[in-house]
Amino acid sequence: MAYTRDDVETWLVDAGSVGDFDETVLDRIIAGVDAHAARFYDLTDADDGTDDERDQALIMECARLYMRKHSSSGYVGTDELGAVRVTSFDPDVRALLAGRMITAGLFGPSANTVDEAP
């Protein structure tokens, strides 16, 4: 991927997190987010450094999961309806990656450029 642990740490600091970050945990979160996203999204151009939306979405997801470890039972805050719980990819992340959804073999022919399953 074109983003690094430093990018995630910068996002966390900008979001108000302070203190030393556990580099081992951040590295494991980054690896997990990359692996999970690759199952559902076409990330093939990840090494060319030109896809800012993709990188931004994955940085957001990594930061969100890192902050989640400091919350009880996955709750990250409240809104007008009550507690907000983290359960899957953030809706903003899904929106940024929506054009990259891999549908080959899942829902019939794919509209993107991923090779179809035989």
N, C-alpha and C. Protein backbone atom coordinates (compact mmCIF):
# COMPACT_ATOMS: atom_id res chain seq x y z
N MET A 1 0.83 -1.18 0.00
CA MET A 1 0.00 0.00 0.00
C MET A 1 0.89 1.25 0.00
N ALA A 2 0.31 2.34 -0.42
CA ALA A 2 1.07 3.59 -0.49
C ALA A 2 1.03 4.36 0.82
N TYR A 3 0.22 3.94 1.78
CA TYR A 3 0.20 4.63 3.07
C TYR A 3 1.05 3.87 4.07
N THR A 4 1.44 4.55 5.15
CA THR A 4 2.33 3.96 6.14
C THR A 4 1.75 4.10 7.54
N ARG A 5 2.43 3.50 8.50
CA ARG A 5 2.04 3.63 9.90
C ARG A 5 2.06 5.11 10.31
N ASP A 6 3.02 5.88 9.80
CA ASP A 6 3.10 7.31 10.12
C ASP A 6 1.84 8.05 9.67
N ASP A 7 1.28 7.66 8.52
CA ASP A 7 0.04 8.28 8.04
C ASP A 7 -1.11 8.02 9.01
N VAL A 8 -1.18 6.80 9.51
CA VAL A 8 -2.24 6.44 10.47
C VAL A 8 -2.03 7.21 11.77
N GLU A 9 -0.79 7.29 12.24
CA GLU A 9 -0.50 8.02 13.47
C GLU A 9 -0.86 9.50 13.32
N THR A 10 -0.57 10.09 12.16
CA THR A 10 -0.93 11.49 11.90
C THR A 10 -2.43 11.67 11.96
N TRP A 11 -3.17 10.74 11.35
CA TRP A 11 -4.63 10.80 11.39
C TRP A 11 -5.13 10.74 12.84
N LEU A 12 -4.56 9.85 13.64
CA LEU A 12 -4.96 9.71 15.03
C LEU A 12 -4.67 10.98 15.83
N VAL A 13 -3.51 11.59 15.61
CA VAL A 13 -3.17 12.84 16.30
C VAL A 13 -4.13 13.95 15.89
N ASP A 14 -4.42 14.05 14.59
CA ASP A 14 -5.36 15.06 14.11
C ASP A 14 -6.76 14.85 14.67
N ALA A 15 -7.09 13.59 14.99
CA ALA A 15 -8.41 13.27 15.56
C ALA A 15 -8.44 13.49 17.07
N GLY A 16 -7.31 13.87 17.66
CA GLY A 16 -7.30 14.17 19.08
C GLY A 16 -6.64 13.14 19.97
N SER A 17 -6.10 12.07 19.40
CA SER A 17 -5.41 11.07 20.20
C SER A 17 -4.04 11.62 20.61
N VAL A 18 -3.64 11.34 21.83
CA VAL A 18 -2.34 11.78 22.31
C VAL A 18 -1.61 10.59 22.91
N GLY A 19 -0.31 10.72 23.04
CA GLY A 19 0.47 9.67 23.66
C GLY A 19 1.22 8.85 22.63
N ASP A 20 1.93 7.88 23.16
CA ASP A 20 2.70 6.99 22.29
C ASP A 20 1.78 5.92 21.71
N PHE A 21 1.97 5.63 20.44
CA PHE A 21 1.16 4.61 19.78
C PHE A 21 1.91 3.30 19.80
N ASP A 22 1.19 2.23 19.98
CA ASP A 22 1.77 0.89 19.99
C ASP A 22 2.01 0.48 18.53
N GLU A 23 3.27 0.52 18.12
CA GLU A 23 3.62 0.26 16.72
C GLU A 23 3.26 -1.16 16.29
N THR A 24 3.42 -2.13 17.19
CA THR A 24 3.09 -3.51 16.86
C THR A 24 1.60 -3.64 16.57
N VAL A 25 0.78 -3.03 17.40
CA VAL A 25 -0.67 -3.09 17.20
C VAL A 25 -1.05 -2.38 15.91
N LEU A 26 -0.47 -1.21 15.67
CA LEU A 26 -0.77 -0.48 14.43
C LEU A 26 -0.38 -1.29 13.20
N ASP A 27 0.78 -1.94 13.23
CA ASP A 27 1.20 -2.75 12.09
C ASP A 27 0.24 -3.91 11.85
N ARG A 28 -0.23 -4.54 12.93
CA ARG A 28 -1.18 -5.64 12.79
C ARG A 28 -2.53 -5.15 12.26
N ILE A 29 -2.96 -3.98 12.70
CA ILE A 29 -4.21 -3.42 12.21
C ILE A 29 -4.09 -3.09 10.73
N ILE A 30 -2.99 -2.50 10.32
CA ILE A 30 -2.78 -2.15 8.91
C ILE A 30 -2.80 -3.40 8.05
N ALA A 31 -2.10 -4.44 8.49
CA ALA A 31 -2.08 -5.70 7.73
C ALA A 31 -3.48 -6.29 7.64
N GLY A 32 -4.22 -6.24 8.73
CA GLY A 32 -5.58 -6.79 8.74
C GLY A 32 -6.54 -6.01 7.85
N VAL A 33 -6.47 -4.69 7.90
CA VAL A 33 -7.33 -3.86 7.06
C VAL A 33 -7.00 -4.09 5.59
N ASP A 34 -5.70 -4.13 5.26
CA ASP A 34 -5.30 -4.37 3.87
C ASP A 34 -5.82 -5.72 3.38
N ALA A 35 -5.67 -6.76 4.20
CA ALA A 35 -6.12 -8.10 3.80
C ALA A 35 -7.64 -8.14 3.66
N HIS A 36 -8.35 -7.54 4.59
CA HIS A 36 -9.81 -7.54 4.53
C HIS A 36 -10.31 -6.75 3.31
N ALA A 37 -9.74 -5.57 3.09
CA ALA A 37 -10.16 -4.75 1.96
C ALA A 37 -9.87 -5.44 0.64
N ALA A 38 -8.76 -6.16 0.55
CA ALA A 38 -8.40 -6.84 -0.70
C ALA A 38 -9.38 -7.95 -1.05
N ARG A 39 -10.10 -8.47 -0.07
CA ARG A 39 -11.10 -9.51 -0.36
C ARG A 39 -12.31 -8.94 -1.08
N PHE A 40 -12.61 -7.67 -0.88
CA PHE A 40 -13.84 -7.08 -1.41
C PHE A 40 -13.62 -5.97 -2.41
N TYR A 41 -12.41 -5.41 -2.45
CA TYR A 41 -12.15 -4.26 -3.31
C TYR A 41 -10.91 -4.48 -4.17
N ASP A 42 -10.93 -3.91 -5.37
CA ASP A 42 -9.79 -3.98 -6.27
C ASP A 42 -8.76 -2.93 -5.84
N LEU A 43 -7.66 -3.38 -5.28
CA LEU A 43 -6.62 -2.48 -4.79
C LEU A 43 -5.34 -2.63 -5.59
N THR A 44 -5.45 -3.07 -6.83
CA THR A 44 -4.27 -3.42 -7.62
C THR A 44 -3.31 -2.28 -7.87
N ASP A 45 -3.78 -1.05 -7.89
CA ASP A 45 -2.88 0.07 -8.15
C ASP A 45 -2.32 0.65 -6.86
N ALA A 46 -2.27 -0.15 -5.81
CA ALA A 46 -1.86 0.32 -4.49
C ALA A 46 -0.42 0.80 -4.43
N ASP A 47 0.45 0.34 -5.30
CA ASP A 47 1.86 0.68 -5.20
C ASP A 47 2.27 1.89 -6.04
N ASP A 48 1.34 2.47 -6.79
CA ASP A 48 1.75 3.58 -7.65
C ASP A 48 1.63 4.94 -6.98
N GLY A 49 1.03 5.01 -5.79
CA GLY A 49 0.98 6.25 -5.04
C GLY A 49 0.04 7.30 -5.59
N THR A 50 -0.80 6.96 -6.54
CA THR A 50 -1.68 7.96 -7.14
C THR A 50 -3.12 7.88 -6.63
N ASP A 51 -3.46 6.88 -5.90
CA ASP A 51 -4.85 6.70 -5.50
C ASP A 51 -5.09 7.22 -4.08
N ASP A 52 -5.28 8.53 -3.98
CA ASP A 52 -5.45 9.18 -2.67
C ASP A 52 -6.73 8.77 -1.97
N GLU A 53 -7.84 8.58 -2.72
CA GLU A 53 -9.10 8.18 -2.10
C GLU A 53 -8.97 6.81 -1.43
N ARG A 54 -8.35 5.87 -2.13
CA ARG A 54 -8.16 4.54 -1.58
C ARG A 54 -7.31 4.60 -0.31
N ASP A 55 -6.21 5.31 -0.38
CA ASP A 55 -5.33 5.42 0.78
C ASP A 55 -6.04 6.10 1.95
N GLN A 56 -6.78 7.17 1.66
CA GLN A 56 -7.49 7.88 2.71
C GLN A 56 -8.51 6.97 3.39
N ALA A 57 -9.22 6.17 2.61
CA ALA A 57 -10.21 5.25 3.17
C ALA A 57 -9.54 4.23 4.08
N LEU A 58 -8.43 3.68 3.66
CA LEU A 58 -7.76 2.65 4.45
C LEU A 58 -7.10 3.25 5.70
N ILE A 59 -6.59 4.48 5.61
CA ILE A 59 -6.05 5.16 6.79
C ILE A 59 -7.17 5.40 7.80
N MET A 60 -8.32 5.85 7.32
CA MET A 60 -9.46 6.09 8.21
C MET A 60 -9.87 4.80 8.92
N GLU A 61 -9.92 3.71 8.19
CA GLU A 61 -10.33 2.44 8.78
C GLU A 61 -9.31 1.96 9.82
N CYS A 62 -8.03 2.10 9.52
CA CYS A 62 -6.99 1.71 10.48
C CYS A 62 -7.09 2.54 11.76
N ALA A 63 -7.24 3.85 11.61
CA ALA A 63 -7.34 4.72 12.78
C ALA A 63 -8.57 4.39 13.60
N ARG A 64 -9.68 4.13 12.94
CA ARG A 64 -10.92 3.80 13.64
C ARG A 64 -10.76 2.51 14.44
N LEU A 65 -10.15 1.50 13.84
CA LEU A 65 -9.94 0.24 14.54
C LEU A 65 -8.95 0.39 15.69
N TYR A 66 -7.92 1.21 15.51
CA TYR A 66 -6.98 1.44 16.60
C TYR A 66 -7.68 2.12 17.78
N MET A 67 -8.51 3.12 17.50
CA MET A 67 -9.24 3.81 18.57
C MET A 67 -10.24 2.87 19.23
N ARG A 68 -10.75 1.91 18.48
CA ARG A 68 -11.74 0.98 19.02
C ARG A 68 -11.17 0.17 20.18
N LYS A 69 -9.88 -0.12 20.16
CA LYS A 69 -9.30 -0.93 21.23
C LYS A 69 -9.36 -0.23 22.57
N HIS A 70 -9.58 1.08 22.56
CA HIS A 70 -9.70 1.85 23.79
C HIS A 70 -11.15 2.04 24.22
N SER A 71 -12.07 1.41 23.51
CA SER A 71 -13.49 1.56 23.84
C SER A 71 -14.03 0.26 24.42
N SER A 72 -15.05 0.38 25.22
CA SER A 72 -15.65 -0.83 25.80
C SER A 72 -16.63 -1.45 24.82
N SER A 73 -16.48 -2.70 24.55
CA SER A 73 -17.38 -3.48 23.70
C SER A 73 -17.56 -2.89 22.30
N GLY A 74 -16.58 -2.15 21.82
CA GLY A 74 -16.64 -1.62 20.47
C GLY A 74 -17.46 -0.36 20.32
N TYR A 75 -17.88 0.27 21.41
CA TYR A 75 -18.64 1.51 21.34
C TYR A 75 -17.67 2.68 21.24
N VAL A 76 -17.88 3.54 20.26
CA VAL A 76 -16.94 4.63 20.02
C VAL A 76 -17.51 6.01 20.35
N GLY A 77 -18.76 6.08 20.73
CA GLY A 77 -19.34 7.37 21.04
C GLY A 77 -20.85 7.30 21.08
N THR A 78 -21.46 8.47 21.08
CA THR A 78 -22.92 8.54 21.09
C THR A 78 -23.38 9.54 20.05
N ASP A 79 -24.60 9.36 19.60
CA ASP A 79 -25.24 10.34 18.74
C ASP A 79 -26.63 10.59 19.31
N GLU A 80 -27.49 11.26 18.56
CA GLU A 80 -28.82 11.60 19.07
C GLU A 80 -29.69 10.37 19.35
N LEU A 81 -29.32 9.21 18.80
CA LEU A 81 -30.10 7.99 19.00
C LEU A 81 -29.51 7.07 20.05
N GLY A 82 -28.33 7.40 20.57
CA GLY A 82 -27.70 6.56 21.59
C GLY A 82 -26.28 6.21 21.23
N ALA A 83 -25.81 5.08 21.75
CA ALA A 83 -24.43 4.65 21.55
C ALA A 83 -24.17 4.26 20.10
N VAL A 84 -22.97 4.56 19.63
CA VAL A 84 -22.54 4.20 18.28
C VAL A 84 -21.53 3.07 18.41
N ARG A 85 -21.83 1.95 17.78
CA ARG A 85 -20.96 0.78 17.87
C ARG A 85 -20.28 0.52 16.52
N VAL A 86 -19.02 0.14 16.57
CA VAL A 86 -18.25 -0.20 15.38
C VAL A 86 -18.50 -1.67 15.08
N THR A 87 -18.99 -1.97 13.88
CA THR A 87 -19.26 -3.37 13.55
C THR A 87 -18.58 -3.83 12.27
N SER A 88 -18.45 -2.97 11.29
CA SER A 88 -17.84 -3.36 10.02
C SER A 88 -17.16 -2.13 9.43
N PHE A 89 -16.79 -2.20 8.16
CA PHE A 89 -16.18 -1.04 7.53
C PHE A 89 -17.09 0.17 7.71
N ASP A 90 -16.49 1.27 8.05
CA ASP A 90 -17.19 2.53 8.23
C ASP A 90 -17.92 2.90 6.93
N PRO A 91 -19.13 3.48 7.03
CA PRO A 91 -19.85 3.87 5.81
C PRO A 91 -19.06 4.84 4.93
N ASP A 92 -18.27 5.73 5.54
CA ASP A 92 -17.45 6.65 4.75
C ASP A 92 -16.37 5.89 3.98
N VAL A 93 -15.80 4.88 4.61
CA VAL A 93 -14.78 4.06 3.96
C VAL A 93 -15.41 3.29 2.80
N ARG A 94 -16.57 2.70 3.05
CA ARG A 94 -17.26 1.96 1.97
C ARG A 94 -17.59 2.89 0.82
N ALA A 95 -17.99 4.12 1.10
CA ALA A 95 -18.32 5.07 0.03
C ALA A 95 -17.08 5.42 -0.79
N LEU A 96 -15.94 5.61 -0.13
CA LEU A 96 -14.71 5.93 -0.85
C LEU A 96 -14.23 4.77 -1.72
N LEU A 97 -14.51 3.55 -1.29
CA LEU A 97 -14.06 2.36 -2.02
C LEU A 97 -15.14 1.75 -2.92
N ALA A 98 -16.32 2.33 -2.95
CA ALA A 98 -17.46 1.73 -3.65
C ALA A 98 -17.18 1.42 -5.12
N GLY A 99 -16.49 2.26 -5.81
CA GLY A 99 -16.20 2.04 -7.23
C GLY A 99 -15.22 0.91 -7.47
N ARG A 100 -14.66 0.37 -6.42
CA ARG A 100 -13.66 -0.70 -6.54
C ARG A 100 -14.20 -2.05 -6.11
N MET A 101 -15.49 -2.15 -5.81
CA MET A 101 -16.07 -3.39 -5.32
C MET A 101 -15.85 -4.52 -6.32
N ILE A 102 -15.35 -5.64 -5.81
CA ILE A 102 -15.15 -6.83 -6.64
C ILE A 102 -16.42 -7.65 -6.57
N THR A 103 -17.04 -7.85 -7.73
CA THR A 103 -18.27 -8.64 -7.74
C THR A 103 -18.10 -9.94 -8.52
N ALA A 104 -16.95 -10.14 -9.13
CA ALA A 104 -16.74 -11.34 -9.94
C ALA A 104 -16.93 -12.59 -9.10
N GLY A 105 -17.81 -13.44 -9.56
CA GLY A 105 -18.04 -14.69 -8.88
C GLY A 105 -18.99 -14.59 -7.70
N LEU A 106 -19.30 -13.38 -7.26
CA LEU A 106 -20.19 -13.20 -6.12
C LEU A 106 -21.63 -12.93 -6.56
N PHE A 107 -21.77 -11.98 -7.47
CA PHE A 107 -23.11 -11.56 -7.89
C PHE A 107 -23.28 -11.60 -9.40
N GLY A 108 -22.54 -12.44 -10.08
CA GLY A 108 -22.61 -12.50 -11.53
C GLY A 108 -21.45 -11.75 -12.15
N PRO A 109 -21.54 -11.39 -13.44
CA PRO A 109 -20.44 -10.71 -14.13
C PRO A 109 -20.10 -9.38 -13.47
N SER A 110 -18.84 -9.06 -13.45
CA SER A 110 -18.36 -7.84 -12.82
C SER A 110 -18.32 -6.70 -13.82
N ALA A 111 -18.55 -5.51 -13.32
CA ALA A 111 -18.46 -4.32 -14.17
C ALA A 111 -17.08 -3.71 -14.10
N ASN A 112 -16.23 -4.20 -13.19
CA ASN A 112 -14.89 -3.63 -13.11
C ASN A 112 -13.90 -4.48 -13.88
N THR A 113 -12.62 -4.15 -13.76
CA THR A 113 -11.62 -4.79 -14.62
C THR A 113 -10.98 -6.03 -14.00
N VAL A 114 -11.49 -6.49 -12.88
CA VAL A 114 -10.94 -7.69 -12.25
C VAL A 114 -11.26 -8.90 -13.10
N ASP A 115 -10.30 -9.80 -13.30
CA ASP A 115 -10.54 -10.99 -14.10
C ASP A 115 -11.66 -11.83 -13.49
N GLU A 116 -12.51 -12.33 -14.34
CA GLU A 116 -13.63 -13.16 -13.91
C GLU A 116 -13.15 -14.54 -13.49
N ALA A 117 -13.82 -15.10 -12.52
CA ALA A 117 -13.51 -16.47 -12.12
C ALA A 117 -13.94 -17.42 -13.20
N PRO A 118 -13.18 -18.52 -13.43
CA PRO A 118 -13.55 -19.46 -14.51
C PRO A 118 -14.84 -20.20 -14.18
